Amino acid sequence: MLAIVLESERLLIRPFQLGDELAMYELNSNPIVQKYTGDTLVKSVEQARDILQNNVLKDYKKYGYGRLAVIYKPDNKLIGFTGIKYLPEMGGESDLGYRFLPDYWSQGIATETSKMSLKFAFDKLKLKQIFGFTELENSASKNVLQKVGFKLDKIDYYPGEENIPGKKTLQWYVLTKNEYAKTI
């Protein structure tokens, strides 16, 4: 298990663990949450457990990092995820991702957790650059990336999705360690 714990006054960020399946299901079965993700809706707690075991926990073991659970301390509730994910399909680059329950939108949580994740990524993981991807229509996510220092790099398909029907082009944002250092 990863020993990563990031904390602010209102948020606790920790690795996902077995037992988080119900919260993961609640998040990933919500069509409002999934609107701009390109992911299919999770249909059951069992499917959420499978994703947790075979994706999230395996990323921790294989790469040493991955998406992290976000606990909203005033409610003592797992409300979503944040964090840096290793992308083998991009030659080992990493991206920043975040996803939260709608009741917690527009409270600065995505920005706050992104800042914490970026500090961890650049200071502890020693990454040189990080990508962020958003669908063209997802202005809220674009705004978060820009607030934390990302710059638009290009508009293109995600690697390997160029010929998949229904897949959309994405805004590719990038933040280098040097550019990040100018924002802190």
Protein backbone atom coordinates (compact mmCIF):
# COMPACT_ATOMS: atom_id res chain seq x y z
CA MET A 1 0.00 0.00 0.00
CA LEU A 2 1.21 3.50 -0.80
CA ALA A 3 2.10 5.72 2.11
CA ILE A 4 0.91 8.90 0.38
CA VAL A 5 -1.28 11.13 2.51
CA LEU A 6 -1.92 14.75 1.55
CA GLU A 7 -4.03 16.94 3.77
CA SER A 8 -5.52 20.41 3.99
CA GLU A 9 -7.94 21.89 6.48
CA ARG A 10 -10.96 20.38 4.72
CA LEU A 11 -9.53 17.54 2.61
CA LEU A 12 -7.69 14.29 3.16
CA ILE A 13 -6.12 12.66 0.10
CA ARG A 14 -5.07 9.04 0.47
CA PRO A 15 -4.62 5.92 -1.64
CA PHE A 16 -7.75 4.02 -2.54
CA GLN A 17 -8.21 0.79 -0.63
CA LEU A 18 -10.50 -2.20 -0.59
CA GLY A 19 -13.66 -0.97 1.07
CA ASP A 20 -13.91 2.10 -1.18
CA GLU A 21 -15.95 0.21 -3.80
CA LEU A 22 -19.32 1.71 -2.85
CA ALA A 23 -17.98 5.27 -3.03
CA MET A 24 -16.28 4.47 -6.34
CA TYR A 25 -19.56 3.09 -7.65
CA GLU A 26 -21.48 6.18 -6.51
CA LEU A 27 -19.02 8.41 -8.33
CA ASN A 28 -18.58 6.43 -11.55
CA SER A 29 -22.20 5.41 -12.04
CA ASN A 30 -23.36 9.04 -12.05
CA PRO A 31 -24.07 10.23 -15.61
CA ILE A 32 -23.50 13.88 -14.62
CA VAL A 33 -20.03 13.05 -13.27
CA GLN A 34 -19.19 10.94 -16.33
CA LYS A 35 -20.48 13.42 -18.90
CA TYR A 36 -17.05 14.59 -20.08
CA THR A 37 -14.85 11.64 -19.11
CA GLY A 38 -15.23 9.35 -22.10
CA ASP A 39 -15.68 6.46 -19.64
CA THR A 40 -18.70 4.19 -19.61
CA LEU A 41 -20.95 4.20 -16.56
CA VAL A 42 -20.09 1.67 -13.87
CA LYS A 43 -23.08 -0.63 -13.53
CA SER A 44 -22.50 -2.31 -10.14
CA VAL A 45 -20.49 -2.27 -6.94
CA GLU A 46 -18.83 -5.47 -8.18
CA GLN A 47 -17.66 -3.69 -11.34
CA ALA A 48 -16.34 -0.83 -9.18
CA ARG A 49 -14.44 -3.39 -7.06
CA ASP A 50 -12.96 -4.89 -10.21
CA ILE A 51 -11.79 -1.46 -11.42
CA LEU A 52 -10.36 -0.74 -7.98
CA GLN A 53 -8.44 -4.02 -7.82
CA ASN A 54 -7.39 -4.38 -11.44
CA ASN A 55 -6.68 -0.77 -12.34
CA VAL A 56 -6.17 1.57 -9.39
CA LEU A 57 -4.41 -0.76 -6.94
CA LYS A 58 -2.38 -2.35 -9.74
CA ASP A 59 -1.17 1.11 -10.81
CA TYR A 60 0.11 1.69 -7.27
CA LYS A 61 1.97 -1.59 -7.30
CA LYS A 62 3.32 -1.33 -10.85
CA TYR A 63 4.16 2.39 -11.07
CA GLY A 64 4.27 3.55 -7.46
CA TYR A 65 1.49 6.09 -7.86
CA GLY A 66 -1.98 6.63 -9.32
CA ARG A 67 -5.33 8.26 -8.65
CA LEU A 68 -6.03 8.97 -4.98
CA ALA A 69 -9.23 9.08 -2.94
CA VAL A 70 -10.39 12.49 -1.72
CA ILE A 71 -12.16 12.60 1.63
CA TYR A 72 -14.14 15.72 2.51
CA LYS A 73 -13.37 15.96 6.22
CA PRO A 74 -16.44 17.98 7.36
CA ASP A 75 -18.69 15.16 6.02
CA ASN A 76 -16.16 12.33 6.52
CA LYS A 77 -17.08 11.22 3.01
CA LEU A 78 -15.11 9.97 0.02
CA ILE A 79 -16.23 12.46 -2.62
CA GLY A 80 -14.02 11.64 -5.60
CA PHE A 81 -10.47 11.31 -6.76
CA THR A 82 -7.46 13.34 -7.74
CA GLY A 83 -3.90 12.61 -8.63
CA ILE A 84 -1.27 11.73 -11.11
CA LYS A 85 -1.56 8.64 -13.30
CA TYR A 86 1.19 6.94 -15.27
CA LEU A 87 0.25 6.57 -18.95
CA PRO A 88 2.08 3.69 -20.67
CA GLU A 89 0.20 4.44 -23.91
CA MET A 90 2.00 7.82 -23.96
CA GLY A 91 5.48 6.44 -23.51
CA GLY A 92 5.46 6.79 -19.75
CA GLU A 93 4.12 10.31 -19.46
CA SER A 94 1.71 11.11 -16.61
CA ASP A 95 -1.49 13.09 -16.37
CA LEU A 96 -3.40 14.95 -13.71
CA GLY A 97 -6.98 13.79 -13.24
CA TYR A 98 -9.82 14.61 -10.90
CA ARG A 99 -13.45 13.68 -10.57
CA PHE A 100 -15.95 14.63 -7.83
CA LEU A 101 -19.57 14.15 -6.86
CA PRO A 102 -21.72 17.06 -8.11
CA ASP A 103 -22.61 18.18 -4.55
CA TYR A 104 -18.95 19.16 -4.16
CA TRP A 105 -18.52 21.08 -7.42
CA SER A 106 -17.88 24.85 -7.52
CA GLN A 107 -16.18 24.84 -4.11
CA GLY A 108 -12.58 25.01 -5.30
CA ILE A 109 -11.95 21.36 -4.44
CA ALA A 110 -10.61 20.40 -7.88
CA THR A 111 -8.20 23.32 -7.82
CA GLU A 112 -7.11 22.63 -4.25
CA THR A 113 -6.51 18.92 -4.82
CA SER A 114 -4.77 19.61 -8.13
CA LYS A 115 -2.29 21.92 -6.43
CA MET A 116 -1.59 19.28 -3.79
CA SER A 117 -1.19 16.57 -6.47
CA LEU A 118 1.17 18.70 -8.55
CA LYS A 119 3.38 19.49 -5.56
CA PHE A 120 3.61 15.77 -4.83
CA ALA A 121 4.30 14.93 -8.50
CA PHE A 122 7.07 17.46 -8.99
CA ASP A 123 8.65 17.37 -5.51
CA LYS A 124 8.36 13.67 -4.60
CA LEU A 125 7.94 11.81 -7.89
CA LYS A 126 10.41 14.13 -9.63
CA LEU A 127 8.34 14.26 -12.81
CA LYS A 128 9.50 16.65 -15.53
CA GLN A 129 6.08 17.37 -17.05
CA ILE A 130 2.44 16.44 -16.59
CA PHE A 131 -0.43 16.42 -19.07
CA GLY A 132 -4.09 17.25 -18.52
CA PHE A 133 -6.87 16.31 -20.94
CA THR A 134 -10.33 17.82 -21.29
CA GLU A 135 -13.14 17.52 -23.79
CA LEU A 136 -13.67 20.75 -25.73
CA GLU A 137 -17.02 21.39 -24.01
CA ASN A 138 -15.68 20.91 -20.48
CA SER A 139 -14.97 24.51 -19.55
CA ALA A 140 -14.90 23.81 -15.79
CA SER A 141 -12.06 21.31 -16.12
CA LYS A 142 -10.21 23.58 -18.55
CA ASN A 143 -10.48 26.40 -16.01
CA VAL A 144 -9.01 24.24 -13.25
CA LEU A 145 -6.04 23.25 -15.40
CA GLN A 146 -5.38 26.86 -16.34
CA LYS A 147 -5.67 28.03 -12.71
CA VAL A 148 -2.93 25.64 -11.64
CA GLY A 149 -0.59 26.64 -14.47
CA PHE A 150 -1.26 24.29 -17.40
CA LYS A 151 -1.00 25.65 -20.94
CA LEU A 152 -2.87 24.38 -23.99
CA ASP A 153 -0.53 22.25 -26.08
CA LYS A 154 -2.80 20.97 -28.86
CA ILE A 155 -6.21 19.59 -29.78
CA ASP A 156 -6.04 15.94 -30.77
CA TYR A 157 -7.39 12.48 -30.01
CA TYR A 158 -6.16 10.53 -27.03
CA PRO A 159 -3.46 8.05 -28.17
CA GLY A 160 -5.01 5.02 -29.84
CA GLU A 161 -8.51 6.54 -30.05
CA GLU A 162 -8.17 8.20 -33.47
CA ASN A 163 -10.25 5.58 -35.27
CA ILE A 164 -12.77 4.71 -32.55
CA PRO A 165 -16.27 5.85 -33.53
CA GLY A 166 -17.74 8.39 -31.14
CA LYS A 167 -14.42 9.37 -29.56
CA LYS A 168 -13.89 13.11 -29.39
CA THR A 169 -10.83 15.24 -29.83
CA LEU A 170 -9.44 16.55 -26.58
CA GLN A 171 -7.66 19.64 -25.42
CA TRP A 172 -4.16 18.56 -24.42
CA TYR A 173 -2.70 20.70 -21.67
CA VAL A 174 0.84 20.45 -20.33
CA LEU A 175 2.70 21.76 -17.29
CA THR A 176 6.46 21.39 -17.04
CA LYS A 177 8.37 21.37 -13.78
CA ASN A 178 10.04 24.65 -14.78
CA GLU A 179 6.69 26.34 -15.46
CA TYR A 180 5.28 24.89 -12.23
CA ALA A 181 8.21 26.36 -10.27
CA LYS A 182 7.19 29.84 -11.52
CA THR A 183 3.68 29.43 -10.04
CA ILE A 184 4.67 28.59 -6.45
